[in-house]
C-alpha atoms as a PDB file:
ATOM      1  CA  MET A   1     -27.555 -37.060-127.087  1.00  0.00           C
ATOM      2  CA  VAL A   2     -27.064 -35.918-130.626  1.00  0.00           C
ATOM      3  CA  GLN A   3     -28.042 -32.549-129.782  1.00  0.00           C
ATOM      4  CA  ALA A   4     -26.260 -32.982-126.314  1.00  0.00           C
ATOM      5  CA  LEU A   5     -22.887 -33.581-128.611  1.00  0.00           C
ATOM      6  CA  PRO A   6     -21.833 -30.333-129.715  1.00  0.00           C
ATOM      7  CA  GLY A   7     -22.492 -28.483-126.318  1.00  0.00           C
ATOM      8  CA  ILE A   8     -19.619 -31.747-125.275  1.00  0.00           C
ATOM      9  CA  LEU A   9     -17.115 -31.200-127.172  1.00  0.00           C
ATOM     10  CA  THR A  10     -17.298 -27.015-127.180  1.00  0.00           C
ATOM     11  CA  LEU A  11     -16.744 -27.552-123.489  1.00  0.00           C
ATOM     12  CA  THR A  12     -13.844 -30.233-123.667  1.00  0.00           C
ATOM     13  CA  VAL A  13     -12.017 -27.986-125.725  1.00  0.00           C
ATOM     14  CA  LEU A  14     -12.859 -24.971-123.736  1.00  0.00           C
ATOM     15  CA  THR A  15     -11.423 -27.443-120.966  1.00  0.00           C
ATOM     16  CA  ARG A  16      -8.120 -28.472-122.675  1.00  0.00           C
ATOM     17  CA  SER A  17      -6.914 -25.066-123.662  1.00  0.00           C
ATOM     18  CA  ALA A  18      -7.494 -23.867-119.851  1.00  0.00           C
ATOM     19  CA  ALA A  19      -5.376 -26.741-119.184  1.00  0.00           C
ATOM     20  CA  GLN A  20      -2.970 -25.990-121.917  1.00  0.00           C
ATOM     21  CA  ARG A  21      -2.752 -22.363-120.285  1.00  0.00           C
ATOM     22  CA  SER A  22      -2.129 -23.784-116.658  1.00  0.00           C
ATOM     23  CA  VAL A  23       0.635 -25.410-118.024  1.00  0.00           C
ATOM     24  CA  GLU A  24       1.818 -22.716-120.050  1.00  0.00           C
ATOM     25  CA  THR A  25       1.459 -20.411-117.078  1.00  0.00           C
ATOM     26  CA  MET A  26       3.719 -22.823-114.994  1.00  0.00           C
ATOM     27  CA  ARG A  27       5.984 -22.849-117.311  1.00  0.00           C
ATOM     28  CA  THR A  28       6.978 -19.322-118.094  1.00  0.00           C
ATOM     29  CA  PRO A  29       9.421 -17.259-114.768  1.00  0.00           C
ATOM     30  CA  PRO A  30       7.326 -15.554-112.145  1.00  0.00           C
ATOM     31  CA  PHE A  31       9.124 -12.233-112.769  1.00  0.00           C
ATOM     32  CA  VAL A  32       8.704 -12.552-116.965  1.00  0.00           C
ATOM     33  CA  ARG A  33       4.896 -12.773-115.915  1.00  0.00           C
ATOM     34  CA  MET A  34       4.535  -9.980-113.523  1.00  0.00           C
ATOM     35  CA  VAL A  35       6.402  -8.113-116.137  1.00  0.00           C
ATOM     36  CA  ARG A  36       4.063  -9.143-118.947  1.00  0.00           C
ATOM     37  CA  GLU A  37       0.462  -8.473-116.490  1.00  0.00           C
ATOM     38  CA  THR A  38       2.284  -4.993-115.588  1.00  0.00           C
ATOM     39  CA  ARG A  39       2.824  -3.987-118.711  1.00  0.00           C
ATOM     40  CA  TYR A  40      -0.716  -5.469-119.565  1.00  0.00           C
ATOM     41  CA  LEU A  41      -2.592  -3.075-116.731  1.00  0.00           C
ATOM     42  CA  LEU A  42      -0.591  -0.035-117.251  1.00  0.00           C
ATOM     43  CA  LEU A  43      -1.242   0.564-121.186  1.00  0.00           C
ATOM     44  CA  GLY A  44      -4.628  -0.801-120.663  1.00  0.00           C
ATOM     45  CA  PRO A  45      -5.879   2.931-119.398  1.00  0.00           C
ATOM     46  CA  PRO A  46      -4.934   5.208-122.957  1.00  0.00           C
ATOM     47  CA  LEU A  47      -6.134   2.732-125.742  1.00  0.00           C
ATOM     48  CA  ALA A  48      -9.271   2.078-123.368  1.00  0.00           C
ATOM     49  CA  VAL A  49      -9.621   5.547-123.305  1.00  0.00           C
ATOM     50  CA  VAL A  50      -8.864   6.726-126.883  1.00  0.00           C
ATOM     51  CA  ALA A  51     -10.965   3.903-128.434  1.00  0.00           C
ATOM     52  CA  PHE A  52     -14.102   4.397-125.762  1.00  0.00           C
ATOM     53  CA  CYS A  53     -13.976   8.223-126.833  1.00  0.00           C
ATOM     54  CA  LEU A  54     -13.715   7.152-131.200  1.00  0.00           C
ATOM     55  CA  VAL A  55     -16.131   4.718-131.004  1.00  0.00           C
ATOM     56  CA  LEU A  56     -18.422   5.386-128.754  1.00  0.00           C
ATOM     57  CA  THR A  57     -18.708   9.513-130.508  1.00  0.00           C
ATOM     58  CA  GLY A  58     -19.042   7.955-134.114  1.00  0.00           C
ATOM     59  CA  LEU A  59     -21.720   5.598-132.858  1.00  0.00           C
ATOM     60  CA  VAL A  60     -23.829   8.345-130.398  1.00  0.00           C
ATOM     61  CA  ALA A  61     -23.586  10.564-134.117  1.00  0.00           C
ATOM     62  CA  GLY A  62     -23.703   7.744-136.181  1.00  0.00           C
ATOM     63  CA  ALA A  63     -27.140   6.487-134.075  1.00  0.00           C
ATOM     64  CA  GLY A  64     -28.457   9.899-134.076  1.00  0.00           C
ATOM     65  CA  THR A  65     -28.055  10.714-138.020  1.00  0.00           C
ATOM     66  CA  SER A  66     -29.560   7.758-139.153  1.00  0.00           C
ATOM     67  CA  VAL A  67     -32.802   9.068-140.777  1.00  0.00           C
ATOM     68  CA  LEU A  68     -31.139  11.419-142.720  1.00  0.00           C
ATOM     69  CA  PHE A  69     -29.233   7.747-144.289  1.00  0.00           C
ATOM     70  CA  VAL A  70     -25.004   9.642-143.991  1.00  0.00           C
ATOM     71  CA  GLY A  71     -25.926   8.209-140.316  1.00  0.00           C
ATOM     72  CA  LEU A  72     -25.315   4.877-141.552  1.00  0.00           C
ATOM     73  CA  PHE A  73     -22.220   5.815-143.499  1.00  0.00           C
ATOM     74  CA  LEU A  74     -20.767   7.241-140.667  1.00  0.00           C
ATOM     75  CA  LEU A  75     -21.415   4.053-138.454  1.00  0.00           C
ATOM     76  CA  SER A  76     -19.966   1.706-141.135  1.00  0.00           C
ATOM     77  CA  GLY A  77     -16.675   3.991-140.688  1.00  0.00           C
ATOM     78  CA  THR A  78     -16.971   3.291-137.385  1.00  0.00           C
ATOM     79  CA  LEU A  79     -17.410  -0.108-137.307  1.00  0.00           C
ATOM     80  CA  LEU A  80     -14.294  -0.171-138.980  1.00  0.00           C
ATOM     81  CA  LEU A  81     -12.684   2.336-136.667  1.00  0.00           C
ATOM     82  CA  ALA A  82     -13.371  -0.219-134.086  1.00  0.00           C
ATOM     83  CA  ARG A  83     -11.292  -2.744-135.537  1.00  0.00           C
ATOM     84  CA  GLY A  84      -8.105  -0.830-135.230  1.00  0.00           C
ATOM     85  CA  PRO A  85      -8.164  -1.170-130.630  1.00  0.00           C
ATOM     86  CA  ALA A  86      -9.924  -4.539-131.055  1.00  0.00           C
ATOM     87  CA  HIS A  87      -6.431  -6.247-133.027  1.00  0.00           C
ATOM     88  CA  LEU A  88      -4.275  -3.648-130.696  1.00  0.00           C
ATOM     89  CA  GLU A  89      -6.285  -5.648-128.122  1.00  0.00           C
ATOM     90  CA  ARG A  90      -5.506  -9.012-128.937  1.00  0.00           C
ATOM     91  CA  LEU A  91      -2.027  -8.140-129.821  1.00  0.00           C
ATOM     92  CA  ARG A  92      -1.700  -7.455-125.793  1.00  0.00           C
ATOM     93  CA  LEU A  93      -3.238 -10.600-125.073  1.00  0.00           C
ATOM     94  CA  SER A  94      -0.302 -12.197-127.289  1.00  0.00           C
ATOM     95  CA  ASP A  95       2.053 -10.732-125.545  1.00  0.00           C
ATOM     96  CA  LEU A  96       0.763 -11.399-122.341  1.00  0.00           C
ATOM     97  CA  HIS A  97       0.022 -14.784-122.644  1.00  0.00           C
ATOM     98  CA  GLY A  98       3.246 -15.532-124.294  1.00  0.00           C
ATOM     99  CA  ARG A  99       2.230 -16.919-127.956  1.00  0.00           C
ATOM    100  CA  ALA A 100      -0.426 -15.180-130.362  1.00  0.00           C
ATOM    101  CA  VAL A 101      -4.287 -15.955-130.361  1.00  0.00           C
ATOM    102  CA  VAL A 102      -6.821 -16.315-132.677  1.00  0.00           C
ATOM    103  CA  ARG A 103      -9.832 -14.304-133.993  1.00  0.00           C
ATOM    104  CA  LEU A 104     -12.917 -14.960-136.811  1.00  0.00           C
ATOM    105  CA  PRO A 105     -12.015 -13.540-139.947  1.00  0.00           C
ATOM    106  CA  TYR A 106     -14.655 -10.290-140.568  1.00  0.00           C
ATOM    107  CA  ARG A 107     -17.439 -11.243-142.859  1.00  0.00           C
ATOM    108  CA  PRO A 108     -16.818 -10.131-146.581  1.00  0.00           C
ATOM    109  CA  ALA A 109     -19.363  -7.861-148.747  1.00  0.00           C
ATOM    110  CA  PRO A 110     -20.832 -10.110-151.410  1.00  0.00           C
ATOM    111  CA  ALA A 111     -18.832 -10.388-154.436  1.00  0.00           C
ATOM    112  CA  ASN A 112     -21.240  -9.155-156.320  1.00  0.00           C
ATOM    113  CA  ALA A 113     -22.134  -6.258-154.342  1.00  0.00           C
ATOM    114  CA  GLY A 114     -22.343  -2.429-155.839  1.00  0.00           C
ATOM    115  CA  LEU A 115     -20.544   0.447-153.841  1.00  0.00           C
ATOM    116  CA  ILE A 116     -22.995   1.303-151.203  1.00  0.00           C
ATOM    117  CA  ARG A 117     -23.237  -2.423-150.391  1.00  0.00           C
ATOM    118  CA  ARG A 118     -19.994  -2.528-149.641  1.00  0.00           C
ATOM    119  CA  LEU A 119     -19.491   0.808-147.815  1.00  0.00           C
ATOM    120  CA  LEU A 120     -21.913  -0.137-145.541  1.00  0.00           C
ATOM    121  CA  ASN A 121     -20.591  -4.283-144.674  1.00  0.00           C
ATOM    122  CA  PRO A 122     -19.798  -3.671-141.242  1.00  0.00           C
ATOM    123  CA  LEU A 123     -22.938  -2.765-140.874  1.00  0.00           C
ATOM    124  CA  THR A 124     -23.467  -6.611-141.225  1.00  0.00           C
ATOM    125  CA  CYS A 125     -21.166  -8.334-139.573  1.00  0.00           C
ATOM    126  CA  THR A 126     -21.196  -9.421-135.914  1.00  0.00           C
ATOM    127  CA  ARG A 127     -17.365  -9.131-135.503  1.00  0.00           C
ATOM    128  CA  SER A 128     -17.565  -5.763-136.115  1.00  0.00           C
ATOM    129  CA  TRP A 129     -20.030  -4.803-134.027  1.00  0.00           C
ATOM    130  CA  LEU A 130     -18.400  -6.640-130.659  1.00  0.00           C
ATOM    131  CA  ASP A 131     -15.142  -5.134-131.564  1.00  0.00           C
ATOM    132  CA  ALA A 132     -17.284  -1.464-130.440  1.00  0.00           C
ATOM    133  CA  LEU A 133     -19.037  -3.214-127.350  1.00  0.00           C
ATOM    134  CA  HIS A 134     -15.441  -3.947-126.244  1.00  0.00           C
ATOM    135  CA  ALA A 135     -14.484  -0.654-127.174  1.00  0.00           C
ATOM    136  CA  ILE A 136     -16.941   1.200-124.914  1.00  0.00           C
ATOM    137  CA  VAL A 137     -17.614  -1.990-121.867  1.00  0.00           C
ATOM    138  CA  SER A 138     -14.403  -1.970-121.699  1.00  0.00           C
ATOM    139  CA  LEU A 139     -13.035   1.110-120.438  1.00  0.00           C
ATOM    140  CA  PRO A 140     -13.583   0.953-116.386  1.00  0.00           C
ATOM    141  CA  LEU A 141     -11.588  -2.341-116.121  1.00  0.00           C
ATOM    142  CA  ALA A 142      -9.262  -0.787-117.415  1.00  0.00           C
ATOM    143  CA  LEU A 143      -8.956   1.949-114.891  1.00  0.00           C
ATOM    144  CA  ALA A 144      -9.625  -0.440-112.684  1.00  0.00           C
ATOM    145  CA  GLY A 145      -7.241  -2.584-113.435  1.00  0.00           C
ATOM    146  CA  PHE A 146      -4.510   0.648-113.785  1.00  0.00           C
ATOM    147  CA  VAL A 147      -5.409   1.948-110.051  1.00  0.00           C
ATOM    148  CA  LEU A 148      -5.130  -1.210-108.302  1.00  0.00           C
ATOM    149  CA  ALA A 149      -1.756  -2.591-110.582  1.00  0.00           C
ATOM    150  CA  VAL A 150       0.120   1.094-109.909  1.00  0.00           C
ATOM    151  CA  LEU A 151      -1.457   0.923-105.392  1.00  0.00           C
ATOM    152  CA  TRP A 152       0.118  -2.821-105.081  1.00  0.00           C
ATOM    153  CA  TRP A 153       3.282  -1.880-106.826  1.00  0.00           C
ATOM    154  CA  SER A 154       3.702   1.859-104.611  1.00  0.00           C
ATOM    155  CA  LEU A 155       2.628   0.017-101.277  1.00  0.00           C
ATOM    156  CA  ALA A 156       4.696  -3.346-102.091  1.00  0.00           C
ATOM    157  CA  LEU A 157       8.324  -1.076-103.181  1.00  0.00           C
ATOM    158  CA  GLY A 158       7.112   2.128-101.197  1.00  0.00           C
ATOM    159  CA  GLY A 159       6.746  -0.200 -97.672  1.00  0.00           C
ATOM    160  CA  LEU A 160      10.502  -2.499 -98.513  1.00  0.00           C
ATOM    161  CA  LEU A 161      12.678   0.888 -99.436  1.00  0.00           C
ATOM    162  CA  TYR A 162      11.597   2.784 -96.701  1.00  0.00           C
ATOM    163  CA  PRO A 163      14.608   3.225 -94.659  1.00  0.00           C
ATOM    164  CA  LEU A 164      15.746   4.592 -98.463  1.00  0.00           C
ATOM    165  CA  TRP A 165      12.836   7.544 -98.317  1.00  0.00           C
ATOM    166  CA  GLY A 166      11.573   7.622 -94.967  1.00  0.00           C
ATOM    167  CA  TRP A 167      13.665  10.628 -93.906  1.00  0.00           C
ATOM    168  CA  SER A 168      12.068  12.870 -96.107  1.00  0.00           C
ATOM    169  CA  LEU A 169       8.852  12.235 -94.201  1.00  0.00           C
ATOM    170  CA  HIS A 170       9.997  14.393 -91.044  1.00  0.00           C
ATOM    171  CA  LEU A 171      10.667  16.875 -93.682  1.00  0.00           C
ATOM    172  CA  ILE A 172       6.805  17.575 -93.678  1.00  0.00           C
ATOM    173  CA  PRO A 173       5.226  20.497 -90.691  1.00  0.00           C
ATOM    174  CA  GLY A 174       4.026  18.603 -88.121  1.00  0.00           C
ATOM    175  CA  TYR A 175       3.943  15.669 -88.848  1.00  0.00           C
ATOM    176  CA  THR A 176       4.299  12.162 -86.597  1.00  0.00           C
ATOM    177  CA  ASP A 177       5.702   8.916 -87.445  1.00  0.00           C
ATOM    178  CA  VAL A 178       2.990   6.099 -86.989  1.00  0.00           C
ATOM    179  CA  GLY A 179       5.179   4.433 -84.459  1.00  0.00           C
ATOM    180  CA  SER A 180       4.807   6.663 -81.372  1.00  0.00           C
ATOM    181  CA  HIS A 181       1.128   5.515 -80.870  1.00  0.00           C
ATOM    182  CA  LEU A 182       2.442   2.154 -81.188  1.00  0.00           C
ATOM    183  CA  LEU A 183       6.233   2.710 -79.411  1.00  0.00           C
ATOM    184  CA  PRO A 184       6.515   5.905 -77.999  1.00  0.00           C
ATOM    185  CA  ASP A 185      10.058   5.090 -76.364  1.00  0.00           C
ATOM    186  CA  ASN A 186      11.077   3.484 -80.535  1.00  0.00           C
ATOM    187  CA  PRO A 187       8.538   4.932 -82.039  1.00  0.00           C
ATOM    188  CA  ALA A 188      11.528   5.193 -85.435  1.00  0.00           C
ATOM    189  CA  LEU A 189      11.330   1.414 -85.181  1.00  0.00           C
ATOM    190  CA  ALA A 190       7.786   0.889 -85.117  1.00  0.00           C
ATOM    191  CA  THR A 191       7.713   2.960 -88.278  1.00  0.00           C
ATOM    192  CA  LEU A 192      10.337   1.051 -89.983  1.00  0.00           C
ATOM    193  CA  VAL A 193       8.771  -2.043 -88.798  1.00  0.00           C
ATOM    194  CA  VAL A 194       5.270  -1.197 -89.961  1.00  0.00           C
ATOM    195  CA  TYR A 195       6.480  -0.109 -93.096  1.00  0.00           C
ATOM    196  CA  MET A 196       8.836  -2.913 -93.816  1.00  0.00           C
ATOM    197  CA  VAL A 197       6.175  -5.551 -93.199  1.00  0.00           C
ATOM    198  CA  THR A 198       3.567  -3.258 -94.675  1.00  0.00           C
ATOM    199  CA  GLY A 199       6.348  -3.416 -97.704  1.00  0.00           C
ATOM    200  CA  ALA A 200       6.611  -7.466 -97.494  1.00  0.00           C
ATOM    201  CA  LEU A 201       2.707  -8.301 -97.504  1.00  0.00           C
ATOM    202  CA  PHE A 202       1.869  -6.706-100.765  1.00  0.00           C
ATOM    203  CA  ALA A 203       5.334  -7.851-102.814  1.00  0.00           C
ATOM    204  CA  LEU A 204       4.525 -11.270-101.571  1.00  0.00           C
ATOM    205  CA  THR A 205       0.845 -10.738-102.303  1.00  0.00           C
ATOM    206  CA  LEU A 206       2.175  -8.759-105.715  1.00  0.00           C
ATOM    207  CA  PRO A 207       2.065 -11.991-108.167  1.00  0.00           C
ATOM    208  CA  VAL A 208      -1.302 -13.319-107.411  1.00  0.00           C
ATOM    209  CA  ALA A 209      -2.624  -9.762-107.495  1.00  0.00           C
ATOM    210  CA  LEU A 210      -1.510  -8.825-110.700  1.00  0.00           C
ATOM    211  CA  ARG A 211      -2.522 -11.951-112.299  1.00  0.00           C
ATOM    212  CA  VAL A 212      -6.098 -11.630-110.619  1.00  0.00           C
ATOM    213  CA  LEU A 213      -6.248  -8.145-112.513  1.00  0.00           C
ATOM    214  CA  ALA A 214      -4.835  -9.079-115.286  1.00  0.00           C
ATOM    215  CA  GLY A 215      -6.510 -12.110-115.869  1.00  0.00           C
ATOM    216  CA  MET A 216     -10.236 -10.062-115.004  1.00  0.00           C
ATOM    217  CA  ASN A 217      -9.449  -7.860-117.257  1.00  0.00           C
ATOM    218  CA  SER A 218      -8.206  -9.871-120.364  1.00  0.00           C
ATOM    219  CA  ALA A 219     -11.421 -11.959-119.753  1.00  0.00           C
ATOM    220  CA  LEU A 220     -13.415  -9.461-121.458  1.00  0.00           C
ATOM    221  CA  SER A 221     -11.387  -9.200-124.419  1.00  0.00           C
ATOM    222  CA  ARG A 222     -10.771 -13.194-125.237  1.00  0.00           C
ATOM    223  CA  VAL A 223     -14.776 -13.329-124.957  1.00  0.00           C
ATOM    224  CA  LEU A 224     -15.809 -10.728-127.158  1.00  0.00           C
ATOM    225  CA  LEU A 225     -12.449 -10.625-129.456  1.00  0.00           C
ATOM    226  CA  LEU A 226     -10.839 -13.791-129.599  1.00  0.00           C
ATOM    227  CA  ALA A 227     -12.703 -16.861-131.341  1.00  0.00           C
ATOM    228  CA  PRO A 228     -15.079 -18.829-129.205  1.00  0.00           C
ATOM    229  CA  GLU A 229     -14.240 -21.682-130.655  1.00  0.00           C
ATOM    230  CA  GLU A 230     -10.330 -21.457-129.739  1.00  0.00           C
ATOM    231  CA  VAL A 231      -9.164 -18.690-126.940  1.00  0.00           C
ATOM    232  CA  SER A 232      -5.815 -20.070-126.256  1.00  0.00           C
ATOM    233  CA  ALA A 233      -4.443 -20.702-129.339  1.00  0.00           C
ATOM    234  CA  ARG A 234      -2.301 -18.848-132.360  1.00  0.00           C
ATOM    235  CA  VAL A 235      -2.903 -15.349-134.047  1.00  0.00           C
ATOM    236  CA  LEU A 236      -4.001 -16.468-136.896  1.00  0.00           C
ATOM    237  CA  THR A 237      -6.346 -14.538-139.159  1.00  0.00           C
ATOM    238  CA  SER A 238      -8.042 -15.599-143.304  1.00  0.00           C
ATOM    239  CA  ARG A 239      -5.919 -14.671-146.051  1.00  0.00           C
ATOM    240  CA  ASN A 240      -8.843 -15.074-148.411  1.00  0.00           C
ATOM    241  CA  ASP A 241     -10.802 -13.237-144.974  1.00  0.00           C
ATOM    242  CA  THR A 242     -14.005 -15.620-146.062  1.00  0.00           C
ATOM    243  CA  VAL A 243     -16.693 -17.022-142.950  1.00  0.00           C
ATOM    244  CA  PRO A 244     -17.973 -20.404-143.818  1.00  0.00           C
ATOM    245  CA  THR A 245     -21.447 -19.717-144.542  1.00  0.00           C
ATOM    246  CA  PRO A 246     -24.406 -22.462-142.950  1.00  0.00           C
ATOM    247  CA  GLU A 247     -24.922 -23.911-146.730  1.00  0.00           C
ATOM    248  CA  GLU A 248     -20.628 -24.392-146.881  1.00  0.00           C
ATOM    249  CA  PRO A 249     -19.710 -25.828-142.935  1.00  0.00           C
ATOM    250  CA  ASP A 250     -16.321 -27.240-144.265  1.00  0.00           C
ATOM    251  CA  GLN A 251     -15.394 -24.665-146.419  1.00  0.00           C
ATOM    252  CA  GLU A 252     -11.898 -24.731-145.228  1.00  0.00           C
ATOM    253  CA  ARG A 253     -10.436 -21.694-143.809  1.00  0.00           C
ATOM    254  CA  HIS A 254      -6.499 -20.787-144.811  1.00  0.00           C
ATOM    255  CA  TYR A 255      -4.814 -19.050-141.953  1.00  0.00           C
ATOM    256  CA  VAL A 256      -1.790 -16.979-141.888  1.00  0.00           C
ATOM    257  CA  SER A 257       0.066 -16.321-139.031  1.00  0.00           C
ATOM    258  CA  LEU A 258       0.987 -12.833-137.209  1.00  0.00           C
ATOM    259  CA  ARG A 259       3.766 -13.142-134.744  1.00  0.00           C
END
C-alpha cells in the first residue's frame, strides 16, 4: 500500500490538472480558442523545421567526432542550442492554453567544477536531452497539424464563400460543373448546394478538428518539455536554477513567473 502511494498521488494530480484544463477550456470563448489553436498549428512547422535541422545536424556531427573529444563539446553546444526552441515551444503552449506552464530547472554544474566540466555539463542534464529529442520528433506532427488545419479552413471558407469565387471556375477551359452530373437541368444550383453544404459541414466540425490537432501536437510537447508532476499550472522557472538531489528531497524550489 505504501509503495503504491506515489502512483496514486501522481494520478490524482494529473486527474485534477485535466479537470482544471477542461473547466478553463469551457470558460474560453470558442472563437478565442479557435484563434489560439490555429495560431499554434500554423506557427509550428517553421519552428520545428529550424529546430530539427540545427539540432539533428549538431548531434550527428558531434557523435561523429566524439572520438576526437572535440565532438563532446559540439554535442554539449547542441544541447544548449536546443533549449532555445524548447523555450519558444513552452511559450507557445502558454499561449495555446491561455496560461503559463511549468518546467523543471536544468541541472547546473557543481560549484567547484572546472572549465571543461562546466562546458560539458549539458551532457549530464536529462532535460537538455529531452529538449533535443523534442526538436527531432516534433517535426512530423507539426507538419501534419499544419496541413490538416489549412485543409480544414480552406474547405470551410471555400465552400461557404463559393458564391463569391465560383464564377472564376468557368474561366478554365473545359471546366464542367459538379452539378452537371447531379442535376443536368440546373447544374449551377446543384453545384452551389454541393459547395455550400460541404463548406457548412467543415465549418461545423472545424472547432473539434482544431482542438484535436492542437491537442495531439501539444501533448508531445507537454510530455517532453514540462514538469511531469504538474502539466497545466504556471510558467515558472527556478530563480537559482538548482535541482534537488536525492540526498536533499526537501530542498526548496523558488519560482518566478515569466508571464
